[in-house]
C-alpha atoms as a PDB file:
ATOM      1  CA  MET A   1      -0.950 -12.118  34.685  1.00  0.00           C
ATOM      2  CA  LEU A   2      -0.300 -14.739  32.048  1.00  0.00           C
ATOM      3  CA  THR A   3      -3.667 -16.403  32.699  1.00  0.00           C
ATOM      4  CA  LEU A   4      -5.411 -13.032  32.381  1.00  0.00           C
ATOM      5  CA  HIS A   5      -3.747 -12.325  29.031  1.00  0.00           C
ATOM      6  CA  LEU A   6      -4.511 -15.791  27.669  1.00  0.00           C
ATOM      7  CA  THR A   7      -8.161 -15.414  28.710  1.00  0.00           C
ATOM      8  CA  GLN A   8      -8.368 -12.084  26.888  1.00  0.00           C
ATOM      9  CA  ILE A   9      -6.789 -13.606  23.761  1.00  0.00           C
ATOM     10  CA  ASP A  10      -9.300 -16.474  23.828  1.00  0.00           C
ATOM     11  CA  ALA A  11     -12.188 -14.006  24.197  1.00  0.00           C
ATOM     12  CA  LEU A  12     -10.923 -11.919  21.274  1.00  0.00           C
ATOM     13  CA  ASN A  13     -10.491 -15.015  19.103  1.00  0.00           C
ATOM     14  CA  ALA A  14     -14.062 -16.092  19.904  1.00  0.00           C
ATOM     15  CA  ALA A  15     -15.337 -12.616  18.985  1.00  0.00           C
ATOM     16  CA  VAL A  16     -13.436 -12.717  15.669  1.00  0.00           C
ATOM     17  CA  ARG A  17     -14.897 -16.170  14.873  1.00  0.00           C
ATOM     18  CA  GLY A  18     -18.388 -14.849  15.611  1.00  0.00           C
ATOM     19  CA  LEU A  19     -17.888 -11.825  13.348  1.00  0.00           C
ATOM     20  CA  GLU A  20     -16.510 -13.992  10.549  1.00  0.00           C
ATOM     21  CA  ALA A  21     -19.543 -16.286  10.811  1.00  0.00           C
ATOM     22  CA  ARG A  22     -21.931 -13.312  10.582  1.00  0.00           C
ATOM     23  CA  LEU A  23     -19.913 -11.886   7.698  1.00  0.00           C
ATOM     24  CA  GLY A  24     -20.057 -15.244   5.909  1.00  0.00           C
ATOM     25  CA  ASP A  25     -23.851 -15.248   6.196  1.00  0.00           C
ATOM     26  CA  ARG A  26     -24.079 -11.724   4.773  1.00  0.00           C
ATOM     27  CA  LEU A  27     -21.722 -12.527   1.895  1.00  0.00           C
ATOM     28  CA  GLU A  28     -23.583 -15.682   0.847  1.00  0.00           C
ATOM     29  CA  PRO A  29     -25.390 -13.961  -2.106  1.00  0.00           C
ATOM     30  CA  PHE A  30     -21.992 -12.805  -3.382  1.00  0.00           C
ATOM     31  CA  ARG A  31     -20.168 -16.122  -2.938  1.00  0.00           C
ATOM     32  CA  ALA A  32     -19.786 -16.731  -6.702  1.00  0.00           C
ATOM     33  CA  VAL A  33     -18.331 -13.247  -7.219  1.00  0.00           C
ATOM     34  CA  ALA A  34     -15.899 -13.745  -4.320  1.00  0.00           C
ATOM     35  CA  GLN A  35     -14.818 -17.098  -5.806  1.00  0.00           C
ATOM     36  CA  ARG A  36     -14.176 -15.396  -9.142  1.00  0.00           C
ATOM     37  CA  LEU A  37     -12.085 -12.688  -7.421  1.00  0.00           C
ATOM     38  CA  MET A  38     -10.016 -15.386  -5.704  1.00  0.00           C
ATOM     39  CA  THR A  39      -8.715 -16.483  -9.123  1.00  0.00           C
ATOM     40  CA  ILE A  40      -6.501 -13.370  -8.978  1.00  0.00           C
ATOM     41  CA  ARG A  41      -3.081 -14.152  -7.476  1.00  0.00           C
ATOM     42  CA  GLY A  42      -2.784 -12.811  -3.932  1.00  0.00           C
ATOM     43  CA  ILE A  43      -6.524 -12.514  -3.328  1.00  0.00           C
ATOM     44  CA  GLY A  44      -7.727 -14.920  -0.663  1.00  0.00           C
ATOM     45  CA  PRO A  45     -11.120 -15.296   1.014  1.00  0.00           C
ATOM     46  CA  ARG A  46     -10.670 -12.327   3.331  1.00  0.00           C
ATOM     47  CA  ALA A  47      -9.355  -9.994   0.625  1.00  0.00           C
ATOM     48  CA  ALA A  48     -12.204 -11.068  -1.681  1.00  0.00           C
ATOM     49  CA  SER A  49     -14.679 -10.253   1.095  1.00  0.00           C
ATOM     50  CA  VAL A  50     -13.144  -6.802   1.530  1.00  0.00           C
ATOM     51  CA  LEU A  51     -13.250  -6.153  -2.231  1.00  0.00           C
ATOM     52  CA  VAL A  52     -16.910  -7.146  -2.453  1.00  0.00           C
ATOM     53  CA  ALA A  53     -17.792  -5.101   0.632  1.00  0.00           C
ATOM     54  CA  GLU A  54     -15.933  -1.957  -0.442  1.00  0.00           C
ATOM     55  CA  LEU A  55     -16.504  -2.048  -4.213  1.00  0.00           C
ATOM     56  CA  GLY A  56     -19.770  -3.890  -4.557  1.00  0.00           C
ATOM     57  CA  VAL A  57     -20.362  -6.025  -7.625  1.00  0.00           C
ATOM     58  CA  ASP A  58     -21.665  -3.387 -10.046  1.00  0.00           C
ATOM     59  CA  MET A  59     -18.781  -1.721 -11.879  1.00  0.00           C
ATOM     60  CA  SER A  60     -21.003   0.434 -14.111  1.00  0.00           C
ATOM     61  CA  ARG A  61     -20.418   3.453 -11.852  1.00  0.00           C
ATOM     62  CA  PHE A  62     -16.736   3.436 -12.846  1.00  0.00           C
ATOM     63  CA  PRO A  63     -16.329   4.157 -16.587  1.00  0.00           C
ATOM     64  CA  THR A  64     -12.764   2.806 -16.658  1.00  0.00           C
ATOM     65  CA  ALA A  65     -10.328   0.967 -14.411  1.00  0.00           C
ATOM     66  CA  GLY A  66      -8.418   4.252 -14.045  1.00  0.00           C
ATOM     67  CA  HIS A  67     -11.444   5.862 -12.418  1.00  0.00           C
ATOM     68  CA  LEU A  68     -11.610   2.998  -9.930  1.00  0.00           C
ATOM     69  CA  ARG A  69      -7.870   3.226  -9.160  1.00  0.00           C
ATOM     70  CA  SER A  70      -8.244   6.946  -8.551  1.00  0.00           C
ATOM     71  CA  TRP A  71     -11.256   6.415  -6.268  1.00  0.00           C
ATOM     72  CA  ALA A  72      -9.332   3.796  -4.294  1.00  0.00           C
ATOM     73  CA  GLY A  73      -6.322   6.122  -3.947  1.00  0.00           C
ATOM     74  CA  LEU A  74      -3.870   4.016  -5.942  1.00  0.00           C
ATOM     75  CA  SER A  75      -3.128   6.526  -8.692  1.00  0.00           C
ATOM     76  CA  PRO A  76      -0.020   8.708  -8.419  1.00  0.00           C
ATOM     77  CA  ARG A  77      -0.560  12.435  -8.252  1.00  0.00           C
ATOM     78  CA  GLN A  78       0.363  14.584 -11.217  1.00  0.00           C
ATOM     79  CA  ASP A  79       1.429  17.715  -9.350  1.00  0.00           C
ATOM     80  CA  GLU A  80       3.627  19.857 -11.570  1.00  0.00           C
ATOM     81  CA  SER A  81       3.940  23.607 -11.857  1.00  0.00           C
ATOM     82  CA  ALA A  82       6.372  25.661 -13.950  1.00  0.00           C
ATOM     83  CA  GLY A  83       8.202  22.497 -14.974  1.00  0.00           C
ATOM     84  CA  LYS A  84       8.868  21.484 -11.377  1.00  0.00           C
ATOM     85  CA  ARG A  85       7.487  18.228 -10.080  1.00  0.00           C
ATOM     86  CA  ARG A  86       6.062  18.386  -6.622  1.00  0.00           C
ATOM     87  CA  SER A  87       4.521  15.585  -4.607  1.00  0.00           C
ATOM     88  CA  THR A  88       3.913  12.273  -6.384  1.00  0.00           C
ATOM     89  CA  ARG A  89       2.351  10.567  -3.382  1.00  0.00           C
ATOM     90  CA  THR A  90      -0.718   8.489  -4.022  1.00  0.00           C
ATOM     91  CA  LEU A  91      -4.081  10.116  -3.606  1.00  0.00           C
ATOM     92  CA  SER A  92      -6.042   9.686  -0.419  1.00  0.00           C
ATOM     93  CA  GLY A  93      -8.732   7.119  -1.016  1.00  0.00           C
ATOM     94  CA  ASN A  94     -10.476   4.236   0.658  1.00  0.00           C
ATOM     95  CA  PRO A  95      -8.035   3.205   3.426  1.00  0.00           C
ATOM     96  CA  TRP A  96      -9.516  -0.284   3.967  1.00  0.00           C
ATOM     97  CA  LEU A  97      -9.361  -1.141   0.287  1.00  0.00           C
ATOM     98  CA  LYS A  98      -5.876   0.310  -0.210  1.00  0.00           C
ATOM     99  CA  THR A  99      -4.442  -1.544   2.794  1.00  0.00           C
ATOM    100  CA  THR A 100      -6.010  -4.836   1.732  1.00  0.00           C
ATOM    101  CA  LEU A 101      -4.745  -4.496  -1.830  1.00  0.00           C
ATOM    102  CA  VAL A 102      -1.186  -3.732  -0.696  1.00  0.00           C
ATOM    103  CA  GLN A 103      -1.224  -6.813   1.551  1.00  0.00           C
ATOM    104  CA  ALA A 104      -2.581  -8.889  -1.342  1.00  0.00           C
ATOM    105  CA  ALA A 105       0.160  -7.461  -3.572  1.00  0.00           C
ATOM    106  CA  TRP A 106       2.866  -8.613  -1.147  1.00  0.00           C
ATOM    107  CA  SER A 107       1.346 -12.065  -1.276  1.00  0.00           C
ATOM    108  CA  ALA A 108       1.090 -12.020  -5.085  1.00  0.00           C
ATOM    109  CA  VAL A 109       4.727 -11.055  -5.678  1.00  0.00           C
ATOM    110  CA  ARG A 110       5.929 -14.045  -3.664  1.00  0.00           C
ATOM    111  CA  LYS A 111       4.515 -16.484  -6.220  1.00  0.00           C
ATOM    112  CA  ASP A 112       7.031 -17.397  -8.941  1.00  0.00           C
ATOM    113  CA  ASN A 113       6.443 -16.964 -12.648  1.00  0.00           C
ATOM    114  CA  THR A 114       3.496 -14.569 -12.429  1.00  0.00           C
ATOM    115  CA  TYR A 115       2.799 -11.237 -14.066  1.00  0.00           C
ATOM    116  CA  PHE A 116       2.635  -9.468 -10.702  1.00  0.00           C
ATOM    117  CA  ARG A 117       6.085 -10.743  -9.664  1.00  0.00           C
ATOM    118  CA  ALA A 118       7.580  -9.717 -13.006  1.00  0.00           C
ATOM    119  CA  GLN A 119       6.024  -6.266 -12.678  1.00  0.00           C
ATOM    120  CA  PHE A 120       7.279  -5.907  -9.103  1.00  0.00           C
ATOM    121  CA  LEU A 121      10.859  -6.912  -9.945  1.00  0.00           C
ATOM    122  CA  ARG A 122      10.890  -4.654 -12.994  1.00  0.00           C
ATOM    123  CA  LEU A 123       9.701  -1.595 -11.040  1.00  0.00           C
ATOM    124  CA  LYS A 124      11.652  -2.336  -7.848  1.00  0.00           C
ATOM    125  CA  ALA A 125      14.941  -1.950  -9.703  1.00  0.00           C
ATOM    126  CA  ARG A 126      14.092   1.622 -10.728  1.00  0.00           C
ATOM    127  CA  ARG A 127      11.663   2.979  -8.127  1.00  0.00           C
ATOM    128  CA  GLY A 128      12.173   0.916  -4.973  1.00  0.00           C
ATOM    129  CA  PRO A 129      10.066  -1.771  -3.330  1.00  0.00           C
ATOM    130  CA  LYS A 130       7.376   0.449  -1.769  1.00  0.00           C
ATOM    131  CA  LYS A 131       6.443   2.219  -4.977  1.00  0.00           C
ATOM    132  CA  ALA A 132       6.614  -1.058  -6.860  1.00  0.00           C
ATOM    133  CA  ILE A 133       4.220  -2.764  -4.449  1.00  0.00           C
ATOM    134  CA  VAL A 134       1.694   0.082  -4.783  1.00  0.00           C
ATOM    135  CA  ALA A 135       1.881  -0.335  -8.562  1.00  0.00           C
ATOM    136  CA  VAL A 136       1.220  -4.072  -8.177  1.00  0.00           C
ATOM    137  CA  ALA A 137      -1.731  -3.281  -5.869  1.00  0.00           C
ATOM    138  CA  ALA A 138      -3.099  -0.976  -8.579  1.00  0.00           C
ATOM    139  CA  SER A 139      -2.692  -3.793 -11.122  1.00  0.00           C
ATOM    140  CA  ILE A 140      -4.585  -6.185  -8.845  1.00  0.00           C
ATOM    141  CA  LEU A 141      -7.391  -3.620  -8.543  1.00  0.00           C
ATOM    142  CA  THR A 142      -7.456  -3.250 -12.333  1.00  0.00           C
ATOM    143  CA  ALA A 143      -7.713  -7.031 -12.677  1.00  0.00           C
ATOM    144  CA  ALA A 144     -10.536  -7.086 -10.102  1.00  0.00           C
ATOM    145  CA  TYR A 145     -12.341  -4.361 -12.075  1.00  0.00           C
ATOM    146  CA  HIS A 146     -12.243  -6.427 -15.255  1.00  0.00           C
ATOM    147  CA  VAL A 147     -13.217  -9.627 -13.445  1.00  0.00           C
ATOM    148  CA  LEU A 148     -16.241  -7.892 -11.918  1.00  0.00           C
ATOM    149  CA  ARG A 149     -17.202  -5.959 -15.039  1.00  0.00           C
ATOM    150  CA  ARG A 150     -16.927  -8.844 -17.506  1.00  0.00           C
ATOM    151  CA  GLY A 151     -17.881 -11.667 -15.159  1.00  0.00           C
ATOM    152  CA  VAL A 152     -14.917 -13.846 -16.150  1.00  0.00           C
ATOM    153  CA  ASP A 153     -12.117 -15.539 -14.219  1.00  0.00           C
ATOM    154  CA  TYR A 154      -8.671 -13.947 -14.099  1.00  0.00           C
ATOM    155  CA  SER A 155      -6.016 -15.328 -16.421  1.00  0.00           C
ATOM    156  CA  ASP A 156      -2.417 -14.465 -15.587  1.00  0.00           C
ATOM    157  CA  LEU A 157      -0.235 -13.043 -18.368  1.00  0.00           C
ATOM    158  CA  GLY A 158       2.792 -14.965 -17.081  1.00  0.00           C
ATOM    159  CA  GLY A 159       6.174 -14.048 -15.733  1.00  0.00           C
ATOM    160  CA  ASP A 160       7.657 -13.581 -19.199  1.00  0.00           C
ATOM    161  CA  HIS A 161       5.009 -11.090 -20.361  1.00  0.00           C
ATOM    162  CA  PHE A 162       7.363  -8.118 -20.447  1.00  0.00           C
ATOM    163  CA  ASN A 163      10.005 -10.126 -22.333  1.00  0.00           C
ATOM    164  CA  ARG A 164       7.480 -11.332 -24.909  1.00  0.00           C
ATOM    165  CA  ARG A 165       5.965  -7.877 -25.353  1.00  0.00           C
ATOM    166  CA  ASP A 166       8.947  -6.223 -26.972  1.00  0.00           C
ATOM    167  CA  LYS A 167      11.865  -8.493 -27.768  1.00  0.00           C
ATOM    168  CA  ALA A 168      13.752  -5.825 -29.734  1.00  0.00           C
ATOM    169  CA  LYS A 169      13.663  -3.457 -26.761  1.00  0.00           C
ATOM    170  CA  LEU A 170      14.914  -6.207 -24.460  1.00  0.00           C
ATOM    171  CA  ALA A 171      17.741  -7.057 -26.879  1.00  0.00           C
ATOM    172  CA  ARG A 172      18.842  -3.399 -27.090  1.00  0.00           C
ATOM    173  CA  ARG A 173      18.817  -3.113 -23.299  1.00  0.00           C
ATOM    174  CA  LEU A 174      20.886  -6.264 -22.826  1.00  0.00           C
ATOM    175  CA  ILE A 175      23.387  -5.238 -25.531  1.00  0.00           C
ATOM    176  CA  ALA A 176      23.762  -1.833 -23.881  1.00  0.00           C
ATOM    177  CA  ARG A 177      24.312  -3.523 -20.522  1.00  0.00           C
ATOM    178  CA  LEU A 178      27.052  -5.726 -21.989  1.00  0.00           C
ATOM    179  CA  HIS A 179      28.607  -2.663 -23.647  1.00  0.00           C
ATOM    180  CA  ASP A 180      28.645  -0.914 -20.258  1.00  0.00           C
ATOM    181  CA  LEU A 181      30.490  -3.912 -18.849  1.00  0.00           C
ATOM    182  CA  GLY A 182      33.159  -3.446 -21.503  1.00  0.00           C
ATOM    183  CA  LEU A 183      32.153  -6.297 -23.820  1.00  0.00           C
ATOM    184  CA  ALA A 184      31.671  -6.030 -27.579  1.00  0.00           C
ATOM    185  CA  VAL A 185      28.797  -8.125 -28.911  1.00  0.00           C
ATOM    186  CA  GLU A 186      27.774  -9.096 -32.421  1.00  0.00           C
ATOM    187  CA  VAL A 187      24.077  -9.989 -32.702  1.00  0.00           C
ATOM    188  CA  ARG A 188      22.615 -12.348 -35.303  1.00  0.00           C
ATOM    189  CA  ALA A 189      19.137 -13.815 -35.558  1.00  0.00           C
ATOM    190  CA  ALA A 190      18.910 -17.423 -34.392  1.00  0.00           C
END
């Protein structure tokens, strides 16, 4: 039995290698675009191949990144009636693209001091890890849209982007947190 299973595994691995070789030949005209997409954190060779295959390289059919996110199924639903919020599940979209982007997002959030990790940690505290990872996947898709549309490499905003963006808001939040802990704080500019 063990020999039979190992033979089947070897046959499947050979078939996968053959498909990857054929896929590599077909993607040769798009190699430069795939290399540019791989500058995005979390996007490797296979994810770049999926992005090129599912999206193409011409982003003119999507007026904005929001249109692309909606087409891919990474935008939350806005289902509200009579002041009551109903389902906020993501839209149904391209399942291959959505799955690949979520896997790439998990990879991206494991790298320290990146924008995607900071975004994930910020959202995970309020919404939970699954919703946070879908938001990171949507951010990766937005980055891919701009990389493809402008023809430039991705530049990461950094892990301290949210702290740099609004220092006064961060200070108020931290002072409120200390106040909740029962500490009185006097704040002066450094």
